[in-house]
Amino acid sequence: MNISQQQELVAEGLQRISESAKFLGISRSFVYRLINSGVLPTVRIGRSRRIPIRAVRELAAANVVVETPLG
């Protein structure tokens, strides 16, 4: 990822792990699993970790499932 892509990713802002978990409707520990597996990128500021809001939205959008009716 080049600098331009990194800047674009964080342009919408950053949020805490707990805020990402609440938005996605999952536990904080599951968010950490997504981070550790490379699914969610993070930004380190000192000892704090923040997640780009855009990355959280993209993760949610990429996992939308449309069920087809049986019939």
PDB file of N, CA and C in Angstrom:
ATOM      1  N   MET A   1       0.850  -1.168   0.000  1.00  0.00           N
ATOM      2  CA  MET A   1       0.000   0.000   0.000  1.00  0.00           C
ATOM      3  C   MET A   1       0.900   1.237   0.000  1.00  0.00           C
ATOM      4  N   ASN A   2       0.677   2.128  -0.965  1.00  0.00           N
ATOM      5  CA  ASN A   2       1.515   3.319  -1.017  1.00  0.00           C
ATOM      6  C   ASN A   2       0.945   4.432  -0.124  1.00  0.00           C
ATOM      7  N   ILE A   3       1.681   5.510  -0.002  1.00  0.00           N
ATOM      8  CA  ILE A   3       1.299   6.594   0.911  1.00  0.00           C
ATOM      9  C   ILE A   3      -0.040   7.196   0.522  1.00  0.00           C
ATOM     10  N   SER A   4      -0.298   7.340  -0.761  1.00  0.00           N
ATOM     11  CA  SER A   4      -1.568   7.901  -1.229  1.00  0.00           C
ATOM     12  C   SER A   4      -2.746   7.026  -0.800  1.00  0.00           C
ATOM     13  N   GLN A   5      -2.596   5.721  -0.929  1.00  0.00           N
ATOM     14  CA  GLN A   5      -3.655   4.796  -0.515  1.00  0.00           C
ATOM     15  C   GLN A   5      -3.852   4.837   0.997  1.00  0.00           C
ATOM     16  N   GLN A   6      -2.761   4.966   1.739  1.00  0.00           N
ATOM     17  CA  GLN A   6      -2.859   5.055   3.192  1.00  0.00           C
ATOM     18  C   GLN A   6      -3.591   6.322   3.605  1.00  0.00           C
ATOM     19  N   GLN A   7      -3.273   7.437   2.964  1.00  0.00           N
ATOM     20  CA  GLN A   7      -3.941   8.692   3.277  1.00  0.00           C
ATOM     21  C   GLN A   7      -5.428   8.621   2.956  1.00  0.00           C
ATOM     22  N   GLU A   8      -5.755   7.985   1.844  1.00  0.00           N
ATOM     23  CA  GLU A   8      -7.151   7.831   1.447  1.00  0.00           C
ATOM     24  C   GLU A   8      -7.913   6.972   2.452  1.00  0.00           C
ATOM     25  N   LEU A   9      -7.258   5.940   2.960  1.00  0.00           N
ATOM     26  CA  LEU A   9      -7.890   5.028   3.915  1.00  0.00           C
ATOM     27  C   LEU A   9      -8.258   5.736   5.219  1.00  0.00           C
ATOM     28  N   VAL A  10      -7.420   6.652   5.674  1.00  0.00           N
ATOM     29  CA  VAL A  10      -7.674   7.321   6.948  1.00  0.00           C
ATOM     30  C   VAL A  10      -8.391   8.664   6.795  1.00  0.00           C
ATOM     31  N   ALA A  11      -8.701   9.066   5.574  1.00  0.00           N
ATOM     32  CA  ALA A  11      -9.308  10.379   5.318  1.00  0.00           C
ATOM     33  C   ALA A  11     -10.636  10.571   6.048  1.00  0.00           C
ATOM     34  N   GLU A  12     -11.407   9.508   6.212  1.00  0.00           N
ATOM     35  CA  GLU A  12     -12.715   9.614   6.883  1.00  0.00           C
ATOM     36  C   GLU A  12     -12.590   9.604   8.403  1.00  0.00           C
ATOM     37  N   GLY A  13     -11.411   9.333   8.902  1.00  0.00           N
ATOM     38  CA  GLY A  13     -11.187   9.334  10.340  1.00  0.00           C
ATOM     39  C   GLY A  13     -10.896   7.955  10.885  1.00  0.00           C
ATOM     40  N   LEU A  14     -10.649   7.924  12.174  1.00  0.00           N
ATOM     41  CA  LEU A  14     -10.291   6.694  12.878  1.00  0.00           C
ATOM     42  C   LEU A  14     -11.255   6.478  14.026  1.00  0.00           C
ATOM     43  N   GLN A  15     -11.386   5.238  14.441  1.00  0.00           N
ATOM     44  CA  GLN A  15     -12.224   4.950  15.599  1.00  0.00           C
ATOM     45  C   GLN A  15     -11.566   3.902  16.482  1.00  0.00           C
ATOM     46  N   ARG A  16     -12.022   3.864  17.716  1.00  0.00           N
ATOM     47  CA  ARG A  16     -11.502   2.896  18.685  1.00  0.00           C
ATOM     48  C   ARG A  16     -11.982   1.496  18.350  1.00  0.00           C
ATOM     49  N   ILE A  17     -11.300   0.522  18.922  1.00  0.00           N
ATOM     50  CA  ILE A  17     -11.668  -0.881  18.742  1.00  0.00           C
ATOM     51  C   ILE A  17     -13.116  -1.098  19.183  1.00  0.00           C
ATOM     52  N   SER A  18     -13.475  -0.546  20.331  1.00  0.00           N
ATOM     53  CA  SER A  18     -14.837  -0.731  20.857  1.00  0.00           C
ATOM     54  C   SER A  18     -15.887  -0.120  19.937  1.00  0.00           C
ATOM     55  N   GLU A  19     -15.568   0.997  19.293  1.00  0.00           N
ATOM     56  CA  GLU A  19     -16.511   1.621  18.362  1.00  0.00           C
ATOM     57  C   GLU A  19     -16.690   0.767  17.111  1.00  0.00           C
ATOM     58  N   SER A  20     -15.603   0.179  16.637  1.00  0.00           N
ATOM     59  CA  SER A  20     -15.684  -0.723  15.480  1.00  0.00           C
ATOM     60  C   SER A  20     -16.519  -1.952  15.818  1.00  0.00           C
ATOM     61  N   ALA A  21     -16.299  -2.500  17.014  1.00  0.00           N
ATOM     62  CA  ALA A  21     -17.062  -3.670  17.449  1.00  0.00           C
ATOM     63  C   ALA A  21     -18.553  -3.349  17.516  1.00  0.00           C
ATOM     64  N   LYS A  22     -18.882  -2.206  18.057  1.00  0.00           N
ATOM     65  CA  LYS A  22     -20.289  -1.810  18.169  1.00  0.00           C
ATOM     66  C   LYS A  22     -20.905  -1.632  16.786  1.00  0.00           C
ATOM     67  N   PHE A  23     -20.200  -0.970  15.879  1.00  0.00           N
ATOM     68  CA  PHE A  23     -20.701  -0.752  14.524  1.00  0.00           C
ATOM     69  C   PHE A  23     -20.970  -2.080  13.815  1.00  0.00           C
ATOM     70  N   LEU A  24     -20.028  -3.027  13.966  1.00  0.00           N
ATOM     71  CA  LEU A  24     -20.155  -4.315  13.289  1.00  0.00           C
ATOM     72  C   LEU A  24     -21.056  -5.300  14.032  1.00  0.00           C
ATOM     73  N   GLY A  25     -21.380  -4.986  15.299  1.00  0.00           N
ATOM     74  CA  GLY A  25     -22.223  -5.880  16.085  1.00  0.00           C
ATOM     75  C   GLY A  25     -21.495  -7.145  16.513  1.00  0.00           C
ATOM     76  N   ILE A  26     -20.201  -7.006  16.784  1.00  0.00           N
ATOM     77  CA  ILE A  26     -19.394  -8.150  17.203  1.00  0.00           C
ATOM     78  C   ILE A  26     -18.629  -7.772  18.475  1.00  0.00           C
ATOM     79  N   SER A  27     -17.973  -8.730  19.077  1.00  0.00           N
ATOM     80  CA  SER A  27     -17.222  -8.467  20.311  1.00  0.00           C
ATOM     81  C   SER A  27     -15.875  -7.812  19.994  1.00  0.00           C
ATOM     82  N   ARG A  28     -15.306  -7.161  21.016  1.00  0.00           N
ATOM     83  CA  ARG A  28     -13.985  -6.561  20.872  1.00  0.00           C
ATOM     84  C   ARG A  28     -12.942  -7.633  20.570  1.00  0.00           C
ATOM     85  N   SER A  29     -13.084  -8.792  21.206  1.00  0.00           N
ATOM     86  CA  SER A  29     -12.101  -9.851  20.975  1.00  0.00           C
ATOM     87  C   SER A  29     -12.142 -10.336  19.524  1.00  0.00           C
ATOM     88  N   PHE A  30     -13.323 -10.339  18.912  1.00  0.00           N
ATOM     89  CA  PHE A  30     -13.413 -10.736  17.509  1.00  0.00           C
ATOM     90  C   PHE A  30     -12.781  -9.680  16.611  1.00  0.00           C
ATOM     91  N   VAL A  31     -12.912  -8.404  16.976  1.00  0.00           N
ATOM     92  CA  VAL A  31     -12.244  -7.337  16.224  1.00  0.00           C
ATOM     93  C   VAL A  31     -10.733  -7.556  16.291  1.00  0.00           C
ATOM     94  N   TYR A  32     -10.215  -7.893  17.468  1.00  0.00           N
ATOM     95  CA  TYR A  32      -8.784  -8.162  17.591  1.00  0.00           C
ATOM     96  C   TYR A  32      -8.373  -9.355  16.726  1.00  0.00           C
ATOM     97  N   ARG A  33      -9.225 -10.355  16.626  1.00  0.00           N
ATOM     98  CA  ARG A  33      -8.914 -11.498  15.749  1.00  0.00           C
ATOM     99  C   ARG A  33      -8.836 -11.056  14.294  1.00  0.00           C
ATOM    100  N   LEU A  34      -9.764 -10.170  13.888  1.00  0.00           N
ATOM    101  CA  LEU A  34      -9.742  -9.651  12.515  1.00  0.00           C
ATOM    102  C   LEU A  34      -8.471  -8.841  12.264  1.00  0.00           C
ATOM    103  N   ILE A  35      -8.044  -8.092  13.255  1.00  0.00           N
ATOM    104  CA  ILE A  35      -6.808  -7.308  13.140  1.00  0.00           C
ATOM    105  C   ILE A  35      -5.608  -8.241  13.026  1.00  0.00           C
ATOM    106  N   ASN A  36      -5.520  -9.217  13.915  1.00  0.00           N
ATOM    107  CA  ASN A  36      -4.375 -10.131  13.937  1.00  0.00           C
ATOM    108  C   ASN A  36      -4.286 -11.004  12.693  1.00  0.00           C
ATOM    109  N   SER A  37      -5.431 -11.266  12.056  1.00  0.00           N
ATOM    110  CA  SER A  37      -5.428 -12.075  10.834  1.00  0.00           C
ATOM    111  C   SER A  37      -5.206 -11.222   9.588  1.00  0.00           C
ATOM    112  N   GLY A  38      -5.099  -9.898   9.751  1.00  0.00           N
ATOM    113  CA  GLY A  38      -4.830  -9.021   8.614  1.00  0.00           C
ATOM    114  C   GLY A  38      -6.063  -8.545   7.877  1.00  0.00           C
ATOM    115  N   VAL A  39      -7.244  -8.855   8.384  1.00  0.00           N
ATOM    116  CA  VAL A  39      -8.485  -8.445   7.725  1.00  0.00           C
ATOM    117  C   VAL A  39      -8.751  -6.954   7.940  1.00  0.00           C
ATOM    118  N   LEU A  40      -8.490  -6.470   9.132  1.00  0.00           N
ATOM    119  CA  LEU A  40      -8.684  -5.052   9.452  1.00  0.00           C
ATOM    120  C   LEU A  40      -7.334  -4.389   9.701  1.00  0.00           C
ATOM    121  N   PRO A  41      -7.039  -3.306   8.981  1.00  0.00           N
ATOM    122  CA  PRO A  41      -5.804  -2.575   9.245  1.00  0.00           C
ATOM    123  C   PRO A  41      -5.973  -1.673  10.464  1.00  0.00           C
ATOM    124  N   THR A  42      -4.885  -1.336  11.101  1.00  0.00           N
ATOM    125  CA  THR A  42      -4.933  -0.421  12.237  1.00  0.00           C
ATOM    126  C   THR A  42      -3.874   0.660  12.080  1.00  0.00           C
ATOM    127  N   VAL A  43      -4.075   1.720  12.853  1.00  0.00           N
ATOM    128  CA  VAL A  43      -3.107   2.806  12.933  1.00  0.00           C
ATOM    129  C   VAL A  43      -2.658   2.857  14.377  1.00  0.00           C
ATOM    130  N   ARG A  44      -1.352   2.875  14.588  1.00  0.00           N
ATOM    131  CA  ARG A  44      -0.820   2.973  15.949  1.00  0.00           C
ATOM    132  C   ARG A  44      -0.450   4.419  16.222  1.00  0.00           C
ATOM    133  N   ILE A  45      -0.975   4.930  17.327  1.00  0.00           N
ATOM    134  CA  ILE A  45      -0.636   6.277  17.789  1.00  0.00           C
ATOM    135  C   ILE A  45      -0.182   6.096  19.228  1.00  0.00           C
ATOM    136  N   GLY A  46       1.119   6.124  19.427  1.00  0.00           N
ATOM    137  CA  GLY A  46       1.653   5.801  20.741  1.00  0.00           C
ATOM    138  C   GLY A  46       1.321   4.358  21.064  1.00  0.00           C
ATOM    139  N   ARG A  47       0.682   4.138  22.193  1.00  0.00           N
ATOM    140  CA  ARG A  47       0.276   2.783  22.577  1.00  0.00           C
ATOM    141  C   ARG A  47      -1.145   2.464  22.142  1.00  0.00           C
ATOM    142  N   SER A  48      -1.827   3.445  21.571  1.00  0.00           N
ATOM    143  CA  SER A  48      -3.221   3.262  21.147  1.00  0.00           C
ATOM    144  C   SER A  48      -3.294   2.689  19.741  1.00  0.00           C
ATOM    145  N   ARG A  49      -4.343   1.939  19.517  1.00  0.00           N
ATOM    146  CA  ARG A  49      -4.607   1.386  18.199  1.00  0.00           C
ATOM    147  C   ARG A  49      -5.951   1.921  17.730  1.00  0.00           C
ATOM    148  N   ARG A  50      -6.008   2.404  16.518  1.00  0.00           N
ATOM    149  CA  ARG A  50      -7.246   2.900  15.937  1.00  0.00           C
ATOM    150  C   ARG A  50      -7.475   2.221  14.598  1.00  0.00           C
ATOM    151  N   ILE A  51      -8.744   2.121  14.224  1.00  0.00           N
ATOM    152  CA  ILE A  51      -9.111   1.479  12.964  1.00  0.00           C
ATOM    153  C   ILE A  51      -9.705   2.539  12.044  1.00  0.00           C
ATOM    154  N   PRO A  52      -9.260   2.586  10.784  1.00  0.00           N
ATOM    155  CA  PRO A  52      -9.863   3.523   9.847  1.00  0.00           C
ATOM    156  C   PRO A  52     -11.357   3.210   9.650  1.00  0.00           C
ATOM    157  N   ILE A  53     -12.179   4.234   9.754  1.00  0.00           N
ATOM    158  CA  ILE A  53     -13.632   4.050   9.604  1.00  0.00           C
ATOM    159  C   ILE A  53     -13.942   3.439   8.245  1.00  0.00           C
ATOM    160  N   ARG A  54     -13.230   3.867   7.234  1.00  0.00           N
ATOM    161  CA  ARG A  54     -13.459   3.339   5.885  1.00  0.00           C
ATOM    162  C   ARG A  54     -13.223   1.830   5.828  1.00  0.00           C
ATOM    163  N   ALA A  55     -12.203   1.355   6.520  1.00  0.00           N
ATOM    164  CA  ALA A  55     -11.901  -0.080   6.519  1.00  0.00           C
ATOM    165  C   ALA A  55     -13.034  -0.879   7.153  1.00  0.00           C
ATOM    166  N   VAL A  56     -13.631  -0.332   8.208  1.00  0.00           N
ATOM    167  CA  VAL A  56     -14.752  -1.011   8.872  1.00  0.00           C
ATOM    168  C   VAL A  56     -15.952  -1.062   7.933  1.00  0.00           C
ATOM    169  N   ARG A  57     -16.241   0.050   7.268  1.00  0.00           N
ATOM    170  CA  ARG A  57     -17.374   0.083   6.323  1.00  0.00           C
ATOM    171  C   ARG A  57     -17.153  -0.867   5.160  1.00  0.00           C
ATOM    172  N   GLU A  58     -15.920  -0.902   4.650  1.00  0.00           N
ATOM    173  CA  GLU A  58     -15.607  -1.794   3.534  1.00  0.00           C
ATOM    174  C   GLU A  58     -15.724  -3.257   3.948  1.00  0.00           C
ATOM    175  N   LEU A  59     -15.309  -3.574   5.163  1.00  0.00           N
ATOM    176  CA  LEU A  59     -15.436  -4.942   5.663  1.00  0.00           C
ATOM    177  C   LEU A  59     -16.906  -5.348   5.725  1.00  0.00           C
ATOM    178  N   ALA A  60     -17.741  -4.467   6.244  1.00  0.00           N
ATOM    179  CA  ALA A  60     -19.172  -4.763   6.338  1.00  0.00           C
ATOM    180  C   ALA A  60     -19.776  -4.934   4.941  1.00  0.00           C
ATOM    181  N   ALA A  61     -19.438  -4.033   4.028  1.00  0.00           N
ATOM    182  CA  ALA A  61     -19.995  -4.092   2.671  1.00  0.00           C
ATOM    183  C   ALA A  61     -19.532  -5.347   1.923  1.00  0.00           C
ATOM    184  N   ALA A  62     -18.302  -5.770   2.163  1.00  0.00           N
ATOM    185  CA  ALA A  62     -17.761  -6.941   1.473  1.00  0.00           C
ATOM    186  C   ALA A  62     -18.405  -8.230   1.955  1.00  0.00           C
ATOM    187  N   ASN A  63     -19.063  -8.205   3.104  1.00  0.00           N
ATOM    188  CA  ASN A  63     -19.653  -9.406   3.666  1.00  0.00           C
ATOM    189  C   ASN A  63     -21.174  -9.433   3.633  1.00  0.00           C
ATOM    190  N   VAL A  64     -21.761  -8.549   2.803  1.00  0.00           N
ATOM    191  CA  VAL A  64     -23.214  -8.538   2.644  1.00  0.00           C
ATOM    192  C   VAL A  64     -23.623  -9.802   1.899  1.00  0.00           C
ATOM    193  N   VAL A  65     -24.606 -10.485   2.428  1.00  0.00           N
ATOM    194  CA  VAL A  65     -25.116 -11.712   1.809  1.00  0.00           C
ATOM    195  C   VAL A  65     -26.588 -11.492   1.461  1.00  0.00           C
ATOM    196  N   VAL A  66     -26.919 -11.736   0.215  1.00  0.00           N
ATOM    197  CA  VAL A  66     -28.295 -11.614  -0.225  1.00  0.00           C
ATOM    198  C   VAL A  66     -28.828 -13.030  -0.409  1.00  0.00           C
ATOM    199  N   GLU A  67     -29.804 -13.368   0.407  1.00  0.00           N
ATOM    200  CA  GLU A  67     -30.397 -14.700   0.334  1.00  0.00           C
ATOM    201  C   GLU A  67     -31.395 -14.758  -0.824  1.00  0.00           C
ATOM    202  N   THR A  68     -31.326 -15.844  -1.564  1.00  0.00           N
ATOM    203  CA  THR A  68     -32.295 -16.023  -2.647  1.00  0.00           C
ATOM    204  C   THR A  68     -33.424 -16.907  -2.132  1.00  0.00           C
ATOM    205  N   PRO A  69     -34.649 -16.550  -2.446  1.00  0.00           N
ATOM    206  CA  PRO A  69     -35.776 -17.339  -1.965  1.00  0.00           C
ATOM    207  C   PRO A  69     -35.794 -18.738  -2.608  1.00  0.00           C
ATOM    208  N   LEU A  70     -36.162 -19.698  -1.798  1.00  0.00           N
ATOM    209  CA  LEU A  70     -36.296 -21.066  -2.298  1.00  0.00           C
ATOM    210  C   LEU A  70     -37.689 -21.198  -2.899  1.00  0.00           C
ATOM    211  N   GLY A  71     -37.754 -21.868  -3.970  1.00  0.00           N
ATOM    212  CA  GLY A  71     -39.087 -21.972  -4.458  1.00  0.00           C
ATOM    213  C   GLY A  71     -39.245 -22.673  -5.687  1.00  0.00           C
TER     214      GLY A  71
END
